[in-house]
Structures are given as structure tokens and as C-alpha cells.
Amino acid sequence: MKKFFAIAAMVVMLALTSACSVPCRLNNFVNRTERNSYRYSLRDWHYSLDRYERLVSQYVQNYTRYNTNQKRMAMRAMGRYHAMLVKAGVRESANLVYELREYAGALKDIFTQDEWAFIDFLRDVMGYRDDRIIRLRDMIRTDEWTNE
């Protein structure tokens, strides 16, 4: 029975000492993110950033416990993650510009039509409240729009 407890204690100690440290977990997290980032949505990036911030905060809290190699591994992982964030931001910005380009054609049509099409656009796309839309409609009808 004593041998069993001694072996169990050694297994537990071995598991604790061989467990991946925070720099190691941070590096593994960044590796997984790199492999899967091409299919991340904006929601996935928010979730990923939340997990990343938790790992970095754990790393900062225990910074003095790590050796030089672990610190170097963590810094490289952080740099790679920030580079991925920049790339994802550029990709999202390009998508936004593409969508705005599509809206620009619609805006041209809307401004050349009647004021109701413009008001519908404001309500649907821009999310204006109804009282603002009514005020805008009244301004257009009474030509306050051009007198200001």
C-alpha cells in the first residue's frame, strides 16, 4: 500500500513538473491560431483575443519565474499574434471598403431618387431613430435642407 502511494505521489509530481508552462501554452495557442486564422470570423477573433489576453496576464504575473528561453518563446509568440491581428484587421478593412464601394453605387441611385428612398436608406442601413428620420423628412419637405 505504501508503494502505491509513493508511486502515485511520483506520478503526480512528474505530471506537475512536466506540465506546460504559461509561455509554452501561449506559444501553443498562437500556433493553433495561426493554423486556423484563415477561417476566423470577427466573433472568433474576439474570442481568441480574450483568451490571448488571459494568457498574457498570467505570463506577466509570473514573469520573474521564467528563464530566458521561456521569455524569448513568449515574446516571439506575442509578436506573431500581433502580426496576425494586423493582417486580420487589414483583411476586414478591405472587406469594409468593398462593402462601402457597393453602397456608393446604391447611394448614387438613392440621392437621385426621391427623399423617401433616402429616408429608407438612413433607417435601414444607418440605423437612425424614427424621430430623426421624421425631422429629416420635414426638413426636406420644407426646404430647410437647402436654406441652412
N, C-alpha and C. Protein backbone atom coordinates (compact mmCIF):
# COMPACT_ATOMS: atom_id res chain seq x y z
N MET A 1 0.82 -1.19 0.00
CA MET A 1 0.00 0.00 0.00
C MET A 1 0.87 1.26 0.00
N LYS A 2 1.98 1.23 0.78
CA LYS A 2 2.87 2.38 0.82
C LYS A 2 3.54 2.60 -0.53
N LYS A 3 3.84 1.49 -1.23
CA LYS A 3 4.43 1.62 -2.56
C LYS A 3 3.47 2.29 -3.52
N PHE A 4 2.20 1.95 -3.41
CA PHE A 4 1.18 2.55 -4.27
C PHE A 4 1.13 4.07 -4.09
N PHE A 5 1.11 4.52 -2.82
CA PHE A 5 1.07 5.96 -2.55
C PHE A 5 2.36 6.65 -3.01
N ALA A 6 3.48 5.97 -2.85
CA ALA A 6 4.75 6.53 -3.28
C ALA A 6 4.78 6.68 -4.80
N ILE A 7 4.29 5.68 -5.51
CA ILE A 7 4.24 5.74 -6.97
C ILE A 7 3.25 6.81 -7.42
N ALA A 8 2.10 6.86 -6.77
CA ALA A 8 1.09 7.87 -7.11
C ALA A 8 1.64 9.27 -6.87
N ALA A 9 2.35 9.46 -5.78
CA ALA A 9 2.94 10.76 -5.49
C ALA A 9 3.98 11.13 -6.55
N MET A 10 4.79 10.16 -6.98
CA MET A 10 5.79 10.44 -8.01
C MET A 10 5.13 10.78 -9.35
N VAL A 11 4.05 10.08 -9.68
CA VAL A 11 3.34 10.37 -10.92
C VAL A 11 2.75 11.78 -10.89
N VAL A 12 2.18 12.15 -9.76
CA VAL A 12 1.61 13.49 -9.63
C VAL A 12 2.71 14.55 -9.74
N MET A 13 3.82 14.34 -9.07
CA MET A 13 4.94 15.29 -9.13
C MET A 13 5.50 15.38 -10.55
N LEU A 14 5.60 14.25 -11.23
CA LEU A 14 6.09 14.25 -12.60
C LEU A 14 5.13 15.00 -13.51
N ALA A 15 3.84 14.80 -13.31
CA ALA A 15 2.84 15.49 -14.11
C ALA A 15 2.90 16.99 -13.88
N LEU A 16 3.08 17.40 -12.64
CA LEU A 16 3.14 18.83 -12.33
C LEU A 16 4.39 19.48 -12.88
N THR A 17 5.51 18.79 -12.83
CA THR A 17 6.75 19.37 -13.33
C THR A 17 6.82 19.36 -14.85
N SER A 18 6.15 18.42 -15.48
CA SER A 18 6.20 18.36 -16.94
C SER A 18 5.05 19.10 -17.60
N ALA A 19 4.18 19.68 -16.79
CA ALA A 19 3.06 20.44 -17.36
C ALA A 19 3.60 21.64 -18.12
N CYS A 20 2.90 22.00 -19.15
CA CYS A 20 3.31 23.10 -20.00
C CYS A 20 3.17 24.42 -19.23
N SER A 21 4.24 25.21 -19.22
CA SER A 21 4.21 26.50 -18.54
C SER A 21 3.38 27.50 -19.35
N VAL A 22 3.16 28.66 -18.77
CA VAL A 22 2.38 29.69 -19.45
C VAL A 22 3.03 30.10 -20.78
N PRO A 23 4.34 30.33 -20.85
CA PRO A 23 4.94 30.63 -22.15
C PRO A 23 4.71 29.53 -23.17
N CYS A 24 4.77 28.28 -22.72
CA CYS A 24 4.52 27.15 -23.61
C CYS A 24 3.07 27.15 -24.08
N ARG A 25 2.13 27.37 -23.14
CA ARG A 25 0.70 27.42 -23.52
C ARG A 25 0.43 28.59 -24.46
N LEU A 26 1.08 29.72 -24.21
CA LEU A 26 0.93 30.88 -25.08
C LEU A 26 1.43 30.57 -26.48
N ASN A 27 2.58 29.92 -26.57
CA ASN A 27 3.13 29.54 -27.87
C ASN A 27 2.22 28.54 -28.59
N ASN A 28 1.70 27.56 -27.86
CA ASN A 28 0.79 26.58 -28.46
C ASN A 28 -0.50 27.25 -28.93
N PHE A 29 -1.00 28.18 -28.14
CA PHE A 29 -2.21 28.92 -28.53
C PHE A 29 -1.99 29.70 -29.82
N VAL A 30 -0.85 30.38 -29.91
CA VAL A 30 -0.55 31.15 -31.13
C VAL A 30 -0.37 30.23 -32.32
N ASN A 31 0.25 29.08 -32.12
CA ASN A 31 0.40 28.11 -33.22
C ASN A 31 -0.96 27.64 -33.73
N ARG A 32 -1.87 27.32 -32.81
CA ARG A 32 -3.23 26.91 -33.21
C ARG A 32 -3.95 28.03 -33.93
N THR A 33 -3.78 29.24 -33.43
CA THR A 33 -4.43 30.39 -34.05
C THR A 33 -3.90 30.60 -35.46
N GLU A 34 -2.60 30.46 -35.64
CA GLU A 34 -2.01 30.61 -36.98
C GLU A 34 -2.56 29.58 -37.95
N ARG A 35 -2.70 28.36 -37.48
CA ARG A 35 -3.23 27.30 -38.36
C ARG A 35 -4.67 27.56 -38.77
N ASN A 36 -5.47 28.16 -37.88
CA ASN A 36 -6.90 28.29 -38.14
C ASN A 36 -7.35 29.71 -38.47
N SER A 37 -6.46 30.67 -38.46
CA SER A 37 -6.86 32.08 -38.59
C SER A 37 -7.49 32.41 -39.94
N TYR A 38 -7.17 31.65 -40.97
CA TYR A 38 -7.71 31.95 -42.29
C TYR A 38 -9.22 31.83 -42.34
N ARG A 39 -9.81 31.10 -41.40
CA ARG A 39 -11.26 30.92 -41.41
C ARG A 39 -11.95 31.61 -40.23
N TYR A 40 -11.22 32.44 -39.49
CA TYR A 40 -11.79 33.12 -38.33
C TYR A 40 -12.76 34.22 -38.77
N SER A 41 -13.88 34.28 -38.09
CA SER A 41 -14.80 35.40 -38.26
C SER A 41 -14.43 36.48 -37.24
N LEU A 42 -15.13 37.57 -37.28
CA LEU A 42 -14.87 38.63 -36.31
C LEU A 42 -15.14 38.15 -34.89
N ARG A 43 -16.18 37.36 -34.72
CA ARG A 43 -16.50 36.80 -33.41
C ARG A 43 -15.38 35.87 -32.93
N ASP A 44 -14.84 35.06 -33.84
CA ASP A 44 -13.73 34.17 -33.47
C ASP A 44 -12.51 34.97 -33.02
N TRP A 45 -12.25 36.10 -33.70
CA TRP A 45 -11.12 36.93 -33.32
C TRP A 45 -11.34 37.53 -31.93
N HIS A 46 -12.56 37.94 -31.63
CA HIS A 46 -12.83 38.47 -30.30
C HIS A 46 -12.61 37.41 -29.22
N TYR A 47 -13.07 36.21 -29.48
CA TYR A 47 -12.87 35.11 -28.54
C TYR A 47 -11.39 34.81 -28.39
N SER A 48 -10.67 34.77 -29.50
CA SER A 48 -9.24 34.50 -29.50
C SER A 48 -8.49 35.59 -28.73
N LEU A 49 -8.85 36.82 -28.96
CA LEU A 49 -8.19 37.93 -28.26
C LEU A 49 -8.43 37.86 -26.76
N ASP A 50 -9.62 37.45 -26.37
CA ASP A 50 -9.92 37.29 -24.94
C ASP A 50 -9.01 36.23 -24.31
N ARG A 51 -8.90 35.08 -24.97
CA ARG A 51 -8.03 34.01 -24.47
C ARG A 51 -6.57 34.46 -24.45
N TYR A 52 -6.15 35.18 -25.48
CA TYR A 52 -4.78 35.68 -25.56
C TYR A 52 -4.48 36.63 -24.40
N GLU A 53 -5.40 37.53 -24.12
CA GLU A 53 -5.19 38.49 -23.03
C GLU A 53 -5.10 37.79 -21.68
N ARG A 54 -5.90 36.73 -21.49
CA ARG A 54 -5.80 35.97 -20.24
C ARG A 54 -4.43 35.30 -20.10
N LEU A 55 -3.95 34.71 -21.18
CA LEU A 55 -2.64 34.07 -21.14
C LEU A 55 -1.52 35.08 -20.89
N VAL A 56 -1.61 36.23 -21.54
CA VAL A 56 -0.58 37.26 -21.34
C VAL A 56 -0.61 37.77 -19.92
N SER A 57 -1.80 37.94 -19.36
CA SER A 57 -1.87 38.41 -17.97
C SER A 57 -1.28 37.38 -17.01
N GLN A 58 -1.50 36.10 -17.26
CA GLN A 58 -0.86 35.05 -16.44
C GLN A 58 0.65 35.10 -16.60
N TYR A 59 1.10 35.33 -17.83
CA TYR A 59 2.53 35.42 -18.10
C TYR A 59 3.15 36.59 -17.35
N VAL A 60 2.50 37.73 -17.39
CA VAL A 60 3.04 38.93 -16.73
C VAL A 60 3.07 38.74 -15.21
N GLN A 61 2.05 38.10 -14.66
CA GLN A 61 2.02 37.89 -13.21
C GLN A 61 3.18 37.02 -12.73
N ASN A 62 3.61 36.07 -13.54
CA ASN A 62 4.67 35.14 -13.14
C ASN A 62 5.96 35.37 -13.91
N TYR A 63 6.18 36.56 -14.40
CA TYR A 63 7.30 36.87 -15.29
C TYR A 63 8.65 36.49 -14.68
N THR A 64 8.83 36.76 -13.41
CA THR A 64 10.14 36.53 -12.79
C THR A 64 10.48 35.05 -12.64
N ARG A 65 9.50 34.18 -12.75
CA ARG A 65 9.74 32.73 -12.58
C ARG A 65 10.31 32.06 -13.82
N TYR A 66 10.24 32.74 -14.96
CA TYR A 66 10.62 32.10 -16.22
C TYR A 66 12.08 32.35 -16.54
N ASN A 67 12.68 31.37 -17.22
CA ASN A 67 14.06 31.54 -17.66
C ASN A 67 14.09 32.30 -18.98
N THR A 68 15.28 32.57 -19.47
CA THR A 68 15.44 33.37 -20.68
C THR A 68 14.78 32.73 -21.90
N ASN A 69 14.91 31.43 -22.04
CA ASN A 69 14.30 30.75 -23.20
C ASN A 69 12.78 30.84 -23.16
N GLN A 70 12.21 30.69 -21.99
CA GLN A 70 10.75 30.79 -21.88
C GLN A 70 10.29 32.21 -22.19
N LYS A 71 11.02 33.20 -21.71
CA LYS A 71 10.67 34.60 -22.01
C LYS A 71 10.77 34.88 -23.50
N ARG A 72 11.83 34.35 -24.12
CA ARG A 72 12.02 34.55 -25.56
C ARG A 72 10.88 33.89 -26.34
N MET A 73 10.49 32.67 -25.93
CA MET A 73 9.39 31.96 -26.58
C MET A 73 8.09 32.76 -26.47
N ALA A 74 7.82 33.30 -25.28
CA ALA A 74 6.59 34.07 -25.07
C ALA A 74 6.60 35.36 -25.90
N MET A 75 7.72 36.05 -25.95
CA MET A 75 7.81 37.30 -26.72
C MET A 75 7.61 37.04 -28.21
N ARG A 76 8.20 35.99 -28.71
CA ARG A 76 8.01 35.65 -30.13
C ARG A 76 6.54 35.30 -30.41
N ALA A 77 5.93 34.56 -29.50
CA ALA A 77 4.52 34.20 -29.68
C ALA A 77 3.65 35.46 -29.68
N MET A 78 3.95 36.38 -28.76
CA MET A 78 3.17 37.62 -28.72
C MET A 78 3.36 38.43 -30.01
N GLY A 79 4.56 38.49 -30.51
CA GLY A 79 4.81 39.20 -31.77
C GLY A 79 4.07 38.57 -32.93
N ARG A 80 4.09 37.25 -33.00
CA ARG A 80 3.37 36.55 -34.08
C ARG A 80 1.87 36.80 -33.97
N TYR A 81 1.35 36.79 -32.74
CA TYR A 81 -0.09 37.01 -32.57
C TYR A 81 -0.48 38.42 -33.00
N HIS A 82 0.32 39.41 -32.62
CA HIS A 82 0.01 40.78 -33.01
C HIS A 82 0.09 40.95 -34.52
N ALA A 83 1.03 40.27 -35.16
CA ALA A 83 1.11 40.31 -36.62
C ALA A 83 -0.15 39.71 -37.25
N MET A 84 -0.66 38.63 -36.66
CA MET A 84 -1.90 38.04 -37.17
C MET A 84 -3.07 39.01 -37.00
N LEU A 85 -3.11 39.72 -35.87
CA LEU A 85 -4.18 40.69 -35.65
C LEU A 85 -4.14 41.80 -36.69
N VAL A 86 -2.94 42.27 -37.01
CA VAL A 86 -2.80 43.32 -38.02
C VAL A 86 -3.28 42.81 -39.38
N LYS A 87 -2.86 41.61 -39.74
CA LYS A 87 -3.29 41.03 -41.02
C LYS A 87 -4.80 40.88 -41.07
N ALA A 88 -5.39 40.40 -39.98
CA ALA A 88 -6.84 40.24 -39.93
C ALA A 88 -7.53 41.59 -40.02
N GLY A 89 -6.96 42.61 -39.38
CA GLY A 89 -7.53 43.96 -39.45
C GLY A 89 -7.48 44.52 -40.86
N VAL A 90 -6.38 44.29 -41.55
CA VAL A 90 -6.26 44.75 -42.94
C VAL A 90 -7.28 44.02 -43.81
N ARG A 91 -7.42 42.72 -43.58
CA ARG A 91 -8.39 41.93 -44.35
C ARG A 91 -9.82 42.45 -44.11
N GLU A 92 -10.16 42.70 -42.84
CA GLU A 92 -11.50 43.22 -42.52
C GLU A 92 -11.70 44.61 -43.10
N SER A 93 -10.67 45.44 -43.08
CA SER A 93 -10.76 46.78 -43.65
C SER A 93 -11.00 46.70 -45.16
N ALA A 94 -10.31 45.79 -45.82
CA ALA A 94 -10.51 45.62 -47.26
C ALA A 94 -11.94 45.17 -47.54
N ASN A 95 -12.47 44.27 -46.72
CA ASN A 95 -13.86 43.85 -46.89
C ASN A 95 -14.81 45.01 -46.69
N LEU A 96 -14.52 45.86 -45.70
CA LEU A 96 -15.37 47.02 -45.44
C LEU A 96 -15.34 48.00 -46.60
N VAL A 97 -14.15 48.23 -47.16
CA VAL A 97 -14.05 49.13 -48.31
C VAL A 97 -14.83 48.56 -49.48
N TYR A 98 -14.77 47.26 -49.68
CA TYR A 98 -15.53 46.63 -50.75
C TYR A 98 -17.03 46.83 -50.54
N GLU A 99 -17.50 46.64 -49.29
CA GLU A 99 -18.92 46.86 -49.00
C GLU A 99 -19.31 48.32 -49.20
N LEU A 100 -18.44 49.24 -48.78
CA LEU A 100 -18.73 50.66 -48.97
C LEU A 100 -18.79 51.01 -50.45
N ARG A 101 -17.95 50.37 -51.23
CA ARG A 101 -18.00 50.60 -52.68
C ARG A 101 -19.35 50.18 -53.25
N GLU A 102 -19.88 49.07 -52.74
CA GLU A 102 -21.20 48.63 -53.18
C GLU A 102 -22.27 49.62 -52.73
N TYR A 103 -22.13 50.15 -51.49
CA TYR A 103 -23.08 51.15 -51.00
C TYR A 103 -23.00 52.44 -51.79
N ALA A 104 -21.80 52.78 -52.28
CA ALA A 104 -21.64 54.03 -53.02
C ALA A 104 -22.51 54.03 -54.27
N GLY A 105 -22.57 52.90 -54.96
CA GLY A 105 -23.46 52.82 -56.12
C GLY A 105 -24.91 52.95 -55.72
N ALA A 106 -25.28 52.34 -54.61
CA ALA A 106 -26.65 52.45 -54.13
C ALA A 106 -26.94 53.88 -53.68
N LEU A 107 -25.98 54.52 -53.06
CA LEU A 107 -26.18 55.91 -52.61
C LEU A 107 -26.41 56.84 -53.79
N LYS A 108 -25.69 56.61 -54.86
CA LYS A 108 -25.88 57.45 -56.06
C LYS A 108 -27.32 57.33 -56.55
N ASP A 109 -27.82 56.11 -56.59
CA ASP A 109 -29.20 55.90 -57.01
C ASP A 109 -30.18 56.52 -56.01
N ILE A 110 -29.88 56.40 -54.74
CA ILE A 110 -30.78 56.92 -53.71
C ILE A 110 -30.86 58.44 -53.77
N PHE A 111 -29.71 59.10 -53.93
CA PHE A 111 -29.73 60.56 -53.94
C PHE A 111 -30.37 61.12 -55.20
N THR A 112 -30.41 60.36 -56.26
CA THR A 112 -31.04 60.84 -57.48
C THR A 112 -32.54 60.53 -57.51
N GLN A 113 -33.02 59.71 -56.56
CA GLN A 113 -34.44 59.41 -56.48
C GLN A 113 -35.12 60.40 -55.54
N ASP A 114 -36.25 60.02 -55.02
CA ASP A 114 -36.98 60.91 -54.12
C ASP A 114 -36.44 60.82 -52.69
N GLU A 115 -36.95 61.71 -51.83
CA GLU A 115 -36.45 61.76 -50.45
C GLU A 115 -36.84 60.53 -49.65
N TRP A 116 -37.90 59.83 -50.04
CA TRP A 116 -38.32 58.65 -49.28
C TRP A 116 -37.31 57.53 -49.40
N ALA A 117 -36.69 57.41 -50.56
CA ALA A 117 -35.65 56.38 -50.73
C ALA A 117 -34.46 56.69 -49.83
N PHE A 118 -34.12 57.98 -49.73
CA PHE A 118 -33.03 58.40 -48.86
C PHE A 118 -33.36 58.11 -47.39
N ILE A 119 -34.58 58.40 -46.99
CA ILE A 119 -35.01 58.17 -45.61
C ILE A 119 -35.02 56.68 -45.30
N ASP A 120 -35.48 55.86 -46.24
CA ASP A 120 -35.44 54.40 -46.04
C ASP A 120 -34.01 53.91 -45.88
N PHE A 121 -33.12 54.48 -46.67
CA PHE A 121 -31.71 54.11 -46.55
C PHE A 121 -31.18 54.44 -45.16
N LEU A 122 -31.47 55.65 -44.69
CA LEU A 122 -31.00 56.04 -43.36
C LEU A 122 -31.54 55.11 -42.27
N ARG A 123 -32.81 54.77 -42.38
CA ARG A 123 -33.42 53.92 -41.36
C ARG A 123 -32.85 52.51 -41.39
N ASP A 124 -32.72 51.94 -42.58
CA ASP A 124 -32.30 50.54 -42.69
C ASP A 124 -30.80 50.35 -42.51
N VAL A 125 -30.02 51.15 -43.18
CA VAL A 125 -28.58 50.93 -43.18
C VAL A 125 -27.88 51.67 -42.05
N MET A 126 -28.22 52.91 -41.86
CA MET A 126 -27.50 53.72 -40.88
C MET A 126 -28.05 53.56 -39.47
N GLY A 127 -29.28 53.07 -39.33
CA GLY A 127 -29.83 52.81 -38.02
C GLY A 127 -30.31 54.05 -37.27
N TYR A 128 -30.71 55.09 -38.00
CA TYR A 128 -31.22 56.27 -37.32
C TYR A 128 -32.56 55.99 -36.68
N ARG A 129 -32.80 56.69 -35.57
CA ARG A 129 -34.08 56.54 -34.89
C ARG A 129 -35.17 57.22 -35.69
N ASP A 130 -36.40 56.82 -35.44
CA ASP A 130 -37.52 57.32 -36.22
C ASP A 130 -37.72 58.83 -36.07
N ASP A 131 -37.51 59.40 -34.87
CA ASP A 131 -37.71 60.83 -34.71
C ASP A 131 -36.72 61.64 -35.53
N ARG A 132 -35.52 61.14 -35.70
CA ARG A 132 -34.55 61.82 -36.56
C ARG A 132 -34.98 61.74 -38.02
N ILE A 133 -35.51 60.60 -38.41
CA ILE A 133 -35.95 60.43 -39.79
C ILE A 133 -37.13 61.36 -40.08
N ILE A 134 -38.05 61.45 -39.14
CA ILE A 134 -39.21 62.34 -39.34
C ILE A 134 -38.74 63.78 -39.43
N ARG A 135 -37.81 64.19 -38.59
CA ARG A 135 -37.26 65.55 -38.65
C ARG A 135 -36.57 65.78 -39.98
N LEU A 136 -35.82 64.82 -40.46
CA LEU A 136 -35.15 64.96 -41.74
C LEU A 136 -36.16 65.05 -42.87
N ARG A 137 -37.21 64.23 -42.80
CA ARG A 137 -38.25 64.29 -43.84
C ARG A 137 -38.91 65.66 -43.86
N ASP A 138 -39.20 66.20 -42.68
CA ASP A 138 -39.83 67.53 -42.60
C ASP A 138 -38.89 68.61 -43.13
N MET A 139 -37.61 68.47 -42.86
CA MET A 139 -36.66 69.44 -43.38
C MET A 139 -36.62 69.39 -44.90
N ILE A 140 -36.66 68.20 -45.46
CA ILE A 140 -36.63 68.07 -46.92
C ILE A 140 -37.89 68.64 -47.53
N ARG A 141 -39.02 68.38 -46.92
CA ARG A 141 -40.29 68.88 -47.46
C ARG A 141 -40.37 70.40 -47.41
N THR A 142 -39.85 71.02 -46.37
CA THR A 142 -39.99 72.47 -46.22
C THR A 142 -38.78 73.22 -46.76
N ASP A 143 -37.89 72.51 -47.38
CA ASP A 143 -36.67 73.11 -47.97
C ASP A 143 -35.77 73.74 -46.94
N GLU A 144 -35.87 73.34 -45.67
CA GLU A 144 -34.90 73.79 -44.66
C GLU A 144 -33.54 73.21 -44.99
N TRP A 145 -33.54 72.11 -45.68
CA TRP A 145 -32.33 71.40 -46.01
C TRP A 145 -31.37 72.29 -46.79
N THR A 146 -31.90 73.05 -47.74
CA THR A 146 -31.05 73.88 -48.59
C THR A 146 -30.85 75.27 -48.03
N ASN A 147 -31.70 75.73 -47.09
CA ASN A 147 -31.60 77.09 -46.56
C ASN A 147 -30.56 77.21 -45.47
N GLU A 148 -30.10 76.13 -44.87
CA GLU A 148 -29.14 76.22 -43.75
C GLU A 148 -27.75 76.41 -44.18
